[in-house]
Structures are given as structure tokens and as C-alpha cells.
Amino acid sequence: MGYPDDALAPGEELLLHRHPHWKALIVPAAILLVATPLAGFLLGVVAARLDGAAATVLSVAVVLLWLAVVVWRSLVPLVSWLSTHFIVTDRRVLVRTGVLTHTGIDIPMGRISNVQFRHGLVDRMLRTGTLVVVSAADDPLEFDDIPEVRQVHALLYQQAFDAHDRTAAENRPARHPHEEDTHRKAW
């Protein structure tokens, strides 16, 4: 069993598992695509114009600078994207983030009182947006860059509505079978 299946309770059904939208990786990819040729160009200039210890020191400096930029601005965002999970089950909404420090949010379906989404022009073209979940006693929680935000909104709304119906049915007082028969006979 892999993630997120091992995070589910017995009998809980996974309905949706998403990472943030791929648009979150555009800037890190662009940085990688700009930094790599620039580092190669600088290494070529150093090799053509310098020799000896100066060339070695500058070459190592260029490689270390390139490595620092790529790790900090490309690799870290990629790992963060891979370790962020938005999960909807038949019982709750789960959000998990982090590699070294894990953060988790669980919202039971029965506590969700409102679900909203918003997306601008670019987000609509990319089919992404921000999902806002309001639970019974908490401040609204906003989840950015949710892929297919309109479908996720509809699914989450339906699950929350069904959970409220189940809770209401469970809290209704039970009738005796005779009462039901009496009502039928009267009609």
C-alpha cells in the first residue's frame, strides 16, 4: 500500500488525490533552463581566458554557484511540490505537506459548512484555482493551485452535503413501526 492509502482509516474510500497544479513548477524550471546555459557559458569563458589556479578556482566557484541556485530555486520547489498532497475521501479532506517537517490538516466532511473557489483569467485557462473550505467553528482554509478546482469544488460540496444528510438522519428520533402503520392507514 502506498501513500495516501496508508493514511486512510479502515473502510475509508479515497475519492481524490492531487498535487498542486504544475504551474507552480514553471518558475523553478525556467530558473534551471537559464542558470545551466549561463553556467556553461561562464565555464567556457573561464577556460578560454584563464589558466592554472585562477581557472580552477573560478570554475569551482561557477559550479558551486550554479549548484546553489539550482538546489535552492529549482530542486527545493520540486520536492515541495511532490510532498504536497490534497486528498478527499468519503469522510474527510486531508492536506499533507513537508519532507523533513510534516504538516497535516484534516477536516471531517460533517464539519464543512461552506465550500468556495476562485480563479482569475490565467487560472481558468490552466484549469486551476484557490479552494476555500469553511468548517463549522474555524476560520476559512485556502488551498492554492488546486488542479481542476471546479470539479474538486463540486465533489467536495457533494460529499459535505451527503455528510450533513447522514448526520441529520442519524440524529432523527426513531419511530415505532406502529406509528408508521397508523399514518399510512389514516391516508
N, C-alpha and C. Protein backbone atom coordinates (compact mmCIF):
# COMPACT_ATOMS: atom_id res chain seq x y z
N MET A 1 0.83 -1.17 0.00
CA MET A 1 0.00 0.00 0.00
C MET A 1 0.88 1.24 0.00
N GLY A 2 0.62 2.21 -0.85
CA GLY A 2 1.40 3.43 -0.91
C GLY A 2 0.63 4.62 -0.41
N TYR A 3 1.32 5.74 -0.37
CA TYR A 3 0.66 6.96 0.06
C TYR A 3 -0.31 7.39 -1.02
N PRO A 4 -1.49 7.83 -0.75
CA PRO A 4 -2.11 8.15 0.54
C PRO A 4 -2.92 7.01 1.13
N ASP A 5 -2.93 5.83 0.51
CA ASP A 5 -3.75 4.73 1.01
C ASP A 5 -3.40 4.35 2.45
N ASP A 6 -2.11 4.47 2.82
CA ASP A 6 -1.74 4.11 4.18
C ASP A 6 -2.14 5.17 5.20
N ALA A 7 -2.61 6.33 4.75
CA ALA A 7 -3.08 7.39 5.65
C ALA A 7 -4.58 7.30 5.92
N LEU A 8 -5.25 6.36 5.25
CA LEU A 8 -6.70 6.26 5.38
C LEU A 8 -7.10 5.34 6.54
N ALA A 9 -8.24 5.65 7.13
CA ALA A 9 -8.79 4.80 8.19
C ALA A 9 -9.41 3.56 7.55
N PRO A 10 -9.58 2.49 8.31
CA PRO A 10 -10.23 1.29 7.77
C PRO A 10 -11.62 1.63 7.24
N GLY A 11 -11.91 1.20 6.03
CA GLY A 11 -13.20 1.44 5.41
C GLY A 11 -13.35 2.80 4.75
N GLU A 12 -12.35 3.65 4.87
CA GLU A 12 -12.42 4.98 4.27
C GLU A 12 -12.06 4.88 2.78
N GLU A 13 -12.83 5.55 1.95
CA GLU A 13 -12.65 5.46 0.50
C GLU A 13 -11.97 6.71 -0.05
N LEU A 14 -10.87 6.52 -0.78
CA LEU A 14 -10.16 7.62 -1.42
C LEU A 14 -10.93 8.06 -2.66
N LEU A 15 -11.29 9.35 -2.72
CA LEU A 15 -12.03 9.89 -3.86
C LEU A 15 -11.16 10.74 -4.77
N LEU A 16 -10.13 11.40 -4.19
CA LEU A 16 -9.31 12.32 -4.97
C LEU A 16 -7.96 12.48 -4.30
N HIS A 17 -6.91 12.46 -5.09
CA HIS A 17 -5.56 12.72 -4.61
C HIS A 17 -4.86 13.59 -5.64
N ARG A 18 -4.46 14.78 -5.24
CA ARG A 18 -3.82 15.72 -6.16
C ARG A 18 -2.61 16.37 -5.52
N HIS A 19 -1.65 16.72 -6.37
CA HIS A 19 -0.57 17.63 -6.00
C HIS A 19 -1.01 19.00 -6.48
N PRO A 20 -0.31 20.07 -6.05
CA PRO A 20 -0.65 21.39 -6.61
C PRO A 20 -0.51 21.36 -8.13
N HIS A 21 -1.11 22.35 -8.78
CA HIS A 21 -1.06 22.44 -10.24
C HIS A 21 0.39 22.57 -10.71
N TRP A 22 0.68 22.06 -11.90
CA TRP A 22 2.04 22.10 -12.43
C TRP A 22 2.54 23.52 -12.67
N LYS A 23 1.65 24.51 -12.68
CA LYS A 23 2.10 25.89 -12.89
C LYS A 23 3.06 26.33 -11.80
N ALA A 24 2.99 25.69 -10.62
CA ALA A 24 3.91 26.01 -9.54
C ALA A 24 5.36 25.66 -9.89
N LEU A 25 5.56 24.85 -10.93
CA LEU A 25 6.92 24.45 -11.33
C LEU A 25 7.47 25.25 -12.51
N ILE A 26 6.70 26.21 -13.03
CA ILE A 26 7.15 26.97 -14.20
C ILE A 26 8.39 27.80 -13.87
N VAL A 27 8.34 28.58 -12.79
CA VAL A 27 9.49 29.43 -12.43
C VAL A 27 10.71 28.58 -12.08
N PRO A 28 10.59 27.53 -11.25
CA PRO A 28 11.77 26.70 -11.00
C PRO A 28 12.37 26.08 -12.27
N ALA A 29 11.52 25.66 -13.20
CA ALA A 29 12.04 25.10 -14.46
C ALA A 29 12.73 26.19 -15.28
N ALA A 30 12.15 27.38 -15.32
CA ALA A 30 12.77 28.49 -16.06
C ALA A 30 14.13 28.85 -15.47
N ILE A 31 14.22 28.85 -14.15
CA ILE A 31 15.50 29.15 -13.50
C ILE A 31 16.54 28.11 -13.87
N LEU A 32 16.15 26.84 -13.86
CA LEU A 32 17.08 25.78 -14.27
C LEU A 32 17.52 25.96 -15.72
N LEU A 33 16.56 26.29 -16.59
CA LEU A 33 16.87 26.44 -18.01
C LEU A 33 17.69 27.69 -18.32
N VAL A 34 17.67 28.67 -17.46
CA VAL A 34 18.51 29.87 -17.66
C VAL A 34 19.86 29.70 -16.97
N ALA A 35 19.86 29.15 -15.76
CA ALA A 35 21.10 29.03 -14.98
C ALA A 35 22.08 28.05 -15.60
N THR A 36 21.59 26.97 -16.19
CA THR A 36 22.50 25.95 -16.72
C THR A 36 23.30 26.44 -17.94
N PRO A 37 22.66 27.01 -18.97
CA PRO A 37 23.47 27.53 -20.08
C PRO A 37 24.36 28.70 -19.66
N LEU A 38 23.88 29.52 -18.72
CA LEU A 38 24.70 30.64 -18.24
C LEU A 38 25.95 30.11 -17.55
N ALA A 39 25.80 29.08 -16.73
CA ALA A 39 26.97 28.48 -16.07
C ALA A 39 27.90 27.86 -17.10
N GLY A 40 27.35 27.20 -18.09
CA GLY A 40 28.19 26.62 -19.15
C GLY A 40 28.94 27.70 -19.92
N PHE A 41 28.28 28.82 -20.21
CA PHE A 41 28.93 29.93 -20.90
C PHE A 41 30.07 30.49 -20.05
N LEU A 42 29.81 30.70 -18.74
CA LEU A 42 30.85 31.22 -17.86
C LEU A 42 32.02 30.26 -17.73
N LEU A 43 31.75 28.96 -17.69
CA LEU A 43 32.84 27.98 -17.66
C LEU A 43 33.67 28.04 -18.93
N GLY A 44 33.01 28.25 -20.08
CA GLY A 44 33.73 28.39 -21.34
C GLY A 44 34.60 29.63 -21.37
N VAL A 45 34.09 30.74 -20.85
CA VAL A 45 34.86 31.99 -20.79
C VAL A 45 36.06 31.81 -19.88
N VAL A 46 35.86 31.20 -18.72
CA VAL A 46 36.96 30.97 -17.78
C VAL A 46 38.03 30.09 -18.43
N ALA A 47 37.63 29.04 -19.11
CA ALA A 47 38.60 28.12 -19.74
C ALA A 47 39.35 28.80 -20.88
N ALA A 48 38.69 29.70 -21.61
CA ALA A 48 39.33 30.36 -22.75
C ALA A 48 40.27 31.48 -22.33
N ARG A 49 39.98 32.15 -21.24
CA ARG A 49 40.74 33.35 -20.88
C ARG A 49 41.72 33.16 -19.74
N LEU A 50 41.53 32.14 -18.95
CA LEU A 50 42.41 31.94 -17.80
C LEU A 50 42.99 30.53 -17.85
N ASP A 51 44.09 30.37 -17.11
CA ASP A 51 44.65 29.04 -16.97
C ASP A 51 45.28 28.91 -15.60
N GLY A 52 45.60 27.72 -15.24
CA GLY A 52 46.24 27.47 -13.95
C GLY A 52 45.26 27.51 -12.79
N ALA A 53 45.76 28.00 -11.65
CA ALA A 53 44.98 28.02 -10.41
C ALA A 53 43.79 28.95 -10.50
N ALA A 54 43.93 30.08 -11.19
CA ALA A 54 42.83 31.04 -11.31
C ALA A 54 41.66 30.41 -12.06
N ALA A 55 41.94 29.66 -13.12
CA ALA A 55 40.89 28.99 -13.88
C ALA A 55 40.19 27.94 -13.03
N THR A 56 40.96 27.21 -12.26
CA THR A 56 40.37 26.17 -11.40
C THR A 56 39.48 26.78 -10.34
N VAL A 57 39.96 27.84 -9.67
CA VAL A 57 39.19 28.48 -8.61
C VAL A 57 37.89 29.07 -9.16
N LEU A 58 37.97 29.78 -10.29
CA LEU A 58 36.77 30.37 -10.88
C LEU A 58 35.80 29.30 -11.40
N SER A 59 36.34 28.23 -11.96
CA SER A 59 35.47 27.15 -12.43
C SER A 59 34.71 26.51 -11.28
N VAL A 60 35.41 26.25 -10.18
CA VAL A 60 34.76 25.68 -8.99
C VAL A 60 33.72 26.66 -8.45
N ALA A 61 34.03 27.95 -8.44
CA ALA A 61 33.09 28.97 -7.95
C ALA A 61 31.83 29.00 -8.81
N VAL A 62 31.99 28.93 -10.14
CA VAL A 62 30.84 28.94 -11.05
C VAL A 62 29.99 27.69 -10.82
N VAL A 63 30.61 26.54 -10.69
CA VAL A 63 29.87 25.29 -10.47
C VAL A 63 29.14 25.33 -9.12
N LEU A 64 29.80 25.82 -8.08
CA LEU A 64 29.15 25.90 -6.76
C LEU A 64 28.00 26.90 -6.77
N LEU A 65 28.18 28.02 -7.44
CA LEU A 65 27.09 28.99 -7.56
C LEU A 65 25.91 28.40 -8.33
N TRP A 66 26.22 27.74 -9.45
CA TRP A 66 25.16 27.08 -10.24
C TRP A 66 24.42 26.05 -9.38
N LEU A 67 25.18 25.23 -8.67
CA LEU A 67 24.58 24.19 -7.82
C LEU A 67 23.70 24.80 -6.73
N ALA A 68 24.16 25.87 -6.10
CA ALA A 68 23.38 26.53 -5.06
C ALA A 68 22.07 27.09 -5.62
N VAL A 69 22.14 27.75 -6.79
CA VAL A 69 20.94 28.31 -7.40
C VAL A 69 19.97 27.20 -7.80
N VAL A 70 20.46 26.16 -8.41
CA VAL A 70 19.60 25.07 -8.87
C VAL A 70 18.95 24.35 -7.69
N VAL A 71 19.70 24.08 -6.64
CA VAL A 71 19.12 23.40 -5.48
C VAL A 71 18.10 24.30 -4.80
N TRP A 72 18.46 25.58 -4.57
CA TRP A 72 17.60 26.49 -3.82
C TRP A 72 16.35 26.89 -4.59
N ARG A 73 16.50 27.17 -5.89
CA ARG A 73 15.39 27.72 -6.65
C ARG A 73 14.68 26.72 -7.56
N SER A 74 15.25 25.53 -7.76
CA SER A 74 14.61 24.52 -8.62
C SER A 74 14.32 23.21 -7.90
N LEU A 75 15.30 22.65 -7.23
CA LEU A 75 15.12 21.35 -6.59
C LEU A 75 14.21 21.43 -5.35
N VAL A 76 14.41 22.44 -4.52
CA VAL A 76 13.57 22.59 -3.32
C VAL A 76 12.09 22.78 -3.70
N PRO A 77 11.76 23.67 -4.66
CA PRO A 77 10.35 23.78 -5.05
C PRO A 77 9.78 22.47 -5.64
N LEU A 78 10.59 21.72 -6.38
CA LEU A 78 10.13 20.45 -6.93
C LEU A 78 9.82 19.45 -5.82
N VAL A 79 10.70 19.33 -4.85
CA VAL A 79 10.47 18.41 -3.74
C VAL A 79 9.26 18.86 -2.92
N SER A 80 9.13 20.17 -2.73
CA SER A 80 7.96 20.70 -2.01
C SER A 80 6.67 20.37 -2.76
N TRP A 81 6.67 20.51 -4.07
CA TRP A 81 5.50 20.18 -4.90
C TRP A 81 5.16 18.69 -4.79
N LEU A 82 6.18 17.86 -4.86
CA LEU A 82 5.97 16.41 -4.77
C LEU A 82 5.46 15.98 -3.39
N SER A 83 5.83 16.72 -2.35
CA SER A 83 5.44 16.32 -1.00
C SER A 83 4.19 17.04 -0.51
N THR A 84 3.49 17.74 -1.38
CA THR A 84 2.23 18.38 -1.02
C THR A 84 1.09 17.56 -1.61
N HIS A 85 0.18 17.12 -0.76
CA HIS A 85 -0.92 16.26 -1.17
C HIS A 85 -2.24 16.86 -0.72
N PHE A 86 -3.19 16.95 -1.65
CA PHE A 86 -4.56 17.36 -1.35
C PHE A 86 -5.42 16.13 -1.60
N ILE A 87 -6.07 15.65 -0.54
CA ILE A 87 -6.77 14.37 -0.59
C ILE A 87 -8.22 14.56 -0.12
N VAL A 88 -9.14 13.97 -0.86
CA VAL A 88 -10.55 13.96 -0.46
C VAL A 88 -10.97 12.50 -0.34
N THR A 89 -11.55 12.16 0.80
CA THR A 89 -12.10 10.82 1.00
C THR A 89 -13.61 10.97 1.23
N ASP A 90 -14.26 9.86 1.44
CA ASP A 90 -15.69 9.92 1.72
C ASP A 90 -15.97 10.44 3.13
N ARG A 91 -14.94 10.61 3.96
CA ARG A 91 -15.13 11.06 5.34
C ARG A 91 -14.49 12.40 5.67
N ARG A 92 -13.42 12.78 4.93
CA ARG A 92 -12.69 13.98 5.31
C ARG A 92 -11.85 14.53 4.16
N VAL A 93 -11.33 15.73 4.38
CA VAL A 93 -10.37 16.37 3.48
C VAL A 93 -9.04 16.37 4.22
N LEU A 94 -8.00 15.91 3.55
CA LEU A 94 -6.67 15.88 4.15
C LEU A 94 -5.72 16.71 3.29
N VAL A 95 -4.87 17.47 3.94
CA VAL A 95 -3.80 18.18 3.24
C VAL A 95 -2.52 17.84 3.99
N ARG A 96 -1.55 17.35 3.26
CA ARG A 96 -0.27 16.98 3.84
C ARG A 96 0.85 17.69 3.08
N THR A 97 1.77 18.29 3.82
CA THR A 97 2.91 18.97 3.20
C THR A 97 4.17 18.65 4.00
N GLY A 98 5.30 18.79 3.34
CA GLY A 98 6.58 18.71 4.02
C GLY A 98 7.35 17.44 3.77
N VAL A 99 8.67 17.58 3.90
CA VAL A 99 9.58 16.45 3.77
C VAL A 99 10.22 16.18 5.13
N LEU A 100 10.93 17.17 5.65
CA LEU A 100 11.57 17.00 6.96
C LEU A 100 10.58 17.28 8.08
N THR A 101 9.81 18.35 7.94
CA THR A 101 8.77 18.69 8.90
C THR A 101 7.44 18.49 8.21
N HIS A 102 6.66 17.57 8.71
CA HIS A 102 5.36 17.27 8.11
C HIS A 102 4.27 18.12 8.76
N THR A 103 3.38 18.63 7.94
CA THR A 103 2.23 19.39 8.40
C THR A 103 0.99 18.74 7.82
N GLY A 104 -0.04 18.59 8.64
CA GLY A 104 -1.26 17.97 8.17
C GLY A 104 -2.49 18.69 8.66
N ILE A 105 -3.49 18.75 7.80
CA ILE A 105 -4.79 19.31 8.15
C ILE A 105 -5.83 18.26 7.77
N ASP A 106 -6.73 17.95 8.69
CA ASP A 106 -7.84 17.05 8.43
C ASP A 106 -9.13 17.80 8.75
N ILE A 107 -10.06 17.79 7.82
CA ILE A 107 -11.35 18.43 8.03
C ILE A 107 -12.43 17.37 7.81
N PRO A 108 -13.14 16.97 8.85
CA PRO A 108 -14.23 16.00 8.66
C PRO A 108 -15.31 16.58 7.76
N MET A 109 -15.88 15.76 6.90
CA MET A 109 -16.92 16.23 5.97
C MET A 109 -18.11 16.84 6.70
N GLY A 110 -18.47 16.26 7.84
CA GLY A 110 -19.63 16.76 8.58
C GLY A 110 -19.43 18.14 9.17
N ARG A 111 -18.19 18.59 9.26
CA ARG A 111 -17.91 19.92 9.82
C ARG A 111 -17.80 21.00 8.75
N ILE A 112 -17.79 20.62 7.50
CA ILE A 112 -17.68 21.61 6.42
C ILE A 112 -19.02 22.31 6.26
N SER A 113 -19.00 23.63 6.38
CA SER A 113 -20.24 24.39 6.25
C SER A 113 -20.32 25.15 4.94
N ASN A 114 -19.19 25.34 4.27
CA ASN A 114 -19.19 26.12 3.04
C ASN A 114 -17.95 25.76 2.22
N VAL A 115 -18.12 25.68 0.92
CA VAL A 115 -17.00 25.41 0.01
C VAL A 115 -17.08 26.44 -1.11
N GLN A 116 -15.97 27.11 -1.38
CA GLN A 116 -15.93 28.13 -2.42
C GLN A 116 -14.68 27.91 -3.26
N PHE A 117 -14.68 28.49 -4.45
CA PHE A 117 -13.46 28.52 -5.25
C PHE A 117 -13.38 29.86 -5.95
N ARG A 118 -12.15 30.23 -6.32
CA ARG A 118 -11.96 31.43 -7.12
C ARG A 118 -10.76 31.20 -8.04
N HIS A 119 -10.88 31.77 -9.22
CA HIS A 119 -9.77 31.69 -10.16
C HIS A 119 -9.89 32.84 -11.15
N GLY A 120 -8.74 33.42 -11.46
CA GLY A 120 -8.68 34.51 -12.42
C GLY A 120 -8.59 33.97 -13.84
N LEU A 121 -8.32 34.87 -14.77
CA LEU A 121 -8.28 34.50 -16.18
C LEU A 121 -7.21 33.44 -16.47
N VAL A 122 -6.00 33.65 -16.00
CA VAL A 122 -4.92 32.68 -16.25
C VAL A 122 -5.24 31.35 -15.57
N ASP A 123 -5.74 31.42 -14.35
CA ASP A 123 -6.11 30.18 -13.65
C ASP A 123 -7.22 29.43 -14.39
N ARG A 124 -8.19 30.17 -14.95
CA ARG A 124 -9.26 29.50 -15.70
C ARG A 124 -8.70 28.82 -16.94
N MET A 125 -7.75 29.46 -17.60
CA MET A 125 -7.14 28.85 -18.80
C MET A 125 -6.36 27.59 -18.43
N LEU A 126 -5.73 27.60 -17.26
CA LEU A 126 -4.94 26.45 -16.81
C LEU A 126 -5.76 25.46 -15.99
N ARG A 127 -7.04 25.76 -15.78
CA ARG A 127 -7.95 24.91 -15.01
C ARG A 127 -7.44 24.67 -13.59
N THR A 128 -7.11 25.75 -12.92
CA THR A 128 -6.65 25.69 -11.54
C THR A 128 -7.29 26.83 -10.78
N GLY A 129 -7.05 26.89 -9.49
CA GLY A 129 -7.58 27.98 -8.70
C GLY A 129 -7.39 27.73 -7.22
N THR A 130 -8.03 28.59 -6.44
CA THR A 130 -7.96 28.51 -4.99
C THR A 130 -9.26 27.94 -4.46
N LEU A 131 -9.15 26.95 -3.62
CA LEU A 131 -10.31 26.33 -2.99
C LEU A 131 -10.38 26.85 -1.55
N VAL A 132 -11.56 27.32 -1.14
CA VAL A 132 -11.76 27.84 0.21
C VAL A 132 -12.75 26.91 0.91
N VAL A 133 -12.32 26.36 2.04
CA VAL A 133 -13.14 25.44 2.81
C VAL A 133 -13.40 26.09 4.17
N VAL A 134 -14.68 26.25 4.48
CA VAL A 134 -15.07 26.82 5.77
C VAL A 134 -15.67 25.70 6.59
N SER A 135 -15.07 25.47 7.78
CA SER A 135 -15.61 24.44 8.66
C SER A 135 -16.41 25.11 9.76
N ALA A 136 -17.14 24.34 10.51
CA ALA A 136 -18.14 24.83 11.45
C ALA A 136 -17.62 25.91 12.41
N ALA A 137 -16.48 25.73 13.02
CA ALA A 137 -16.03 26.67 14.04
C ALA A 137 -14.69 27.33 13.71
N ASP A 138 -14.11 27.02 12.59
CA ASP A 138 -12.77 27.52 12.28
C ASP A 138 -12.81 28.61 11.23
N ASP A 139 -11.69 29.31 11.11
CA ASP A 139 -11.53 30.30 10.05
C ASP A 139 -11.45 29.56 8.71
N PRO A 140 -11.79 30.24 7.61
CA PRO A 140 -11.69 29.59 6.30
C PRO A 140 -10.26 29.16 5.99
N LEU A 141 -10.13 28.00 5.38
CA LEU A 141 -8.82 27.49 4.94
C LEU A 141 -8.75 27.63 3.43
N GLU A 142 -7.66 28.22 2.93
CA GLU A 142 -7.49 28.41 1.50
C GLU A 142 -6.39 27.50 1.00
N PHE A 143 -6.68 26.80 -0.09
CA PHE A 143 -5.73 25.89 -0.71
C PHE A 143 -5.50 26.40 -2.13
N ASP A 144 -4.29 26.87 -2.40
CA ASP A 144 -3.95 27.46 -3.70
C ASP A 144 -3.53 26.39 -4.70
N ASP A 145 -3.68 26.74 -5.97
CA ASP A 145 -3.20 25.92 -7.09
C ASP A 145 -3.78 24.50 -7.09
N ILE A 146 -5.08 24.39 -6.83
CA ILE A 146 -5.74 23.09 -6.88
C ILE A 146 -6.10 22.81 -8.35
N PRO A 147 -5.56 21.75 -8.94
CA PRO A 147 -5.92 21.42 -10.33
C PRO A 147 -7.41 21.07 -10.44
N GLU A 148 -8.02 21.46 -11.57
CA GLU A 148 -9.43 21.17 -11.81
C GLU A 148 -10.29 21.62 -10.63
N VAL A 149 -10.07 22.86 -10.19
CA VAL A 149 -10.69 23.36 -8.97
C VAL A 149 -12.22 23.31 -9.02
N ARG A 150 -12.81 23.50 -10.18
CA ARG A 150 -14.27 23.46 -10.26
C ARG A 150 -14.81 22.05 -9.97
N GLN A 151 -14.15 21.02 -10.50
CA GLN A 151 -14.59 19.64 -10.23
C GLN A 151 -14.34 19.27 -8.77
N VAL A 152 -13.20 19.72 -8.22
CA VAL A 152 -12.90 19.44 -6.82
C VAL A 152 -13.94 20.13 -5.93
N HIS A 153 -14.30 21.36 -6.28
CA HIS A 153 -15.33 22.10 -5.54
C HIS A 153 -16.65 21.32 -5.55
N ALA A 154 -17.06 20.87 -6.73
CA ALA A 154 -18.32 20.14 -6.85
C ALA A 154 -18.28 18.83 -6.04
N LEU A 155 -17.18 18.10 -6.13
CA LEU A 155 -17.04 16.84 -5.38
C LEU A 155 -17.09 17.10 -3.88
N LEU A 156 -16.35 18.09 -3.44
CA LEU A 156 -16.29 18.40 -2.01
C LEU A 156 -17.65 18.88 -1.50
N TYR A 157 -18.32 19.70 -2.28
CA TYR A 157 -19.65 20.18 -1.90
C TYR A 157 -20.61 19.00 -1.77
N GLN A 158 -20.59 18.10 -2.74
CA GLN A 158 -21.49 16.94 -2.71
C GLN A 158 -21.20 16.04 -1.52
N GLN A 159 -19.92 15.81 -1.24
CA GLN A 159 -19.55 14.96 -0.10
C GLN A 159 -19.97 15.61 1.22
N ALA A 160 -19.77 16.93 1.35
CA ALA A 160 -20.17 17.63 2.58
C ALA A 160 -21.69 17.61 2.73
N PHE A 161 -22.41 17.82 1.64
CA PHE A 161 -23.88 17.78 1.66
C PHE A 161 -24.36 16.40 2.08
N ASP A 162 -23.78 15.34 1.51
CA ASP A 162 -24.15 13.97 1.88
C ASP A 162 -23.84 13.69 3.35
N ALA A 163 -22.70 14.20 3.84
CA ALA A 163 -22.34 14.00 5.25
C ALA A 163 -23.34 14.68 6.17
N HIS A 164 -23.79 15.87 5.80
CA HIS A 164 -24.80 16.57 6.61
C HIS A 164 -26.12 15.79 6.60
N ASP A 165 -26.50 15.23 5.44
CA ASP A 165 -27.72 14.43 5.36
C ASP A 165 -27.63 13.18 6.25
N ARG A 166 -26.47 12.51 6.22
CA ARG A 166 -26.28 11.32 7.05
C ARG A 166 -26.36 11.67 8.53
N THR A 167 -25.74 12.80 8.91
CA THR A 167 -25.76 13.22 10.31
C THR A 167 -27.18 13.55 10.75
N ALA A 168 -27.93 14.24 9.90
CA ALA A 168 -29.31 14.59 10.23
C ALA A 168 -30.16 13.33 10.38
N ALA A 169 -29.96 12.36 9.50
CA ALA A 169 -30.73 11.11 9.56
C ALA A 169 -30.40 10.33 10.84
N GLU A 170 -29.12 10.36 11.24
CA GLU A 170 -28.72 9.64 12.45
C GLU A 170 -29.28 10.31 13.70
N ASN A 171 -29.47 11.61 13.66
CA ASN A 171 -29.94 12.35 14.84
C ASN A 171 -31.47 12.42 14.94
N ARG A 172 -32.18 11.98 13.90
CA ARG A 172 -33.64 11.97 13.93
C ARG A 172 -34.11 10.90 14.90
N PRO A 173 -35.15 11.20 15.70
CA PRO A 173 -35.65 10.16 16.63
C PRO A 173 -36.28 9.01 15.84
N ALA A 174 -36.05 7.82 16.34
CA ALA A 174 -36.58 6.63 15.67
C ALA A 174 -38.06 6.50 15.97
N ARG A 175 -38.80 6.05 14.99
CA ARG A 175 -40.23 5.81 15.15
C ARG A 175 -40.48 4.34 15.40
N HIS A 176 -41.58 4.09 16.08
CA HIS A 176 -42.01 2.70 16.24
C HIS A 176 -42.69 2.27 14.96
N PRO A 177 -42.60 1.02 14.61
CA PRO A 177 -43.26 0.55 13.39
C PRO A 177 -44.76 0.81 13.40
N HIS A 178 -45.47 0.79 14.57
CA HIS A 178 -46.91 1.01 14.62
C HIS A 178 -47.25 2.42 14.21
N GLU A 179 -46.38 3.40 14.60
CA GLU A 179 -46.65 4.79 14.25
C GLU A 179 -46.68 4.95 12.75
N GLU A 180 -45.76 4.32 12.09
CA GLU A 180 -45.69 4.42 10.63
C GLU A 180 -46.94 3.81 10.01
N ASP A 181 -47.40 2.64 10.55
CA ASP A 181 -48.60 1.99 10.03
C ASP A 181 -49.84 2.85 10.28
N THR A 182 -49.92 3.49 11.43
CA THR A 182 -51.06 4.34 11.76
C THR A 182 -51.17 5.49 10.77
N HIS A 183 -50.03 6.09 10.44
CA HIS A 183 -50.03 7.19 9.48
C HIS A 183 -50.46 6.72 8.11
N ARG A 184 -50.04 5.56 7.74
CA ARG A 184 -50.43 5.02 6.43
C ARG A 184 -51.92 4.75 6.38
N LYS A 185 -52.46 4.17 7.47
CA LYS A 185 -53.88 3.83 7.47
C LYS A 185 -54.73 5.09 7.44
N ALA A 186 -54.28 6.15 8.05
CA ALA A 186 -55.07 7.39 8.07
C ALA A 186 -55.20 7.97 6.67
N TRP A 187 -54.26 7.74 5.82
CA TRP A 187 -54.33 8.30 4.45
C TRP A 187 -55.11 7.37 3.61
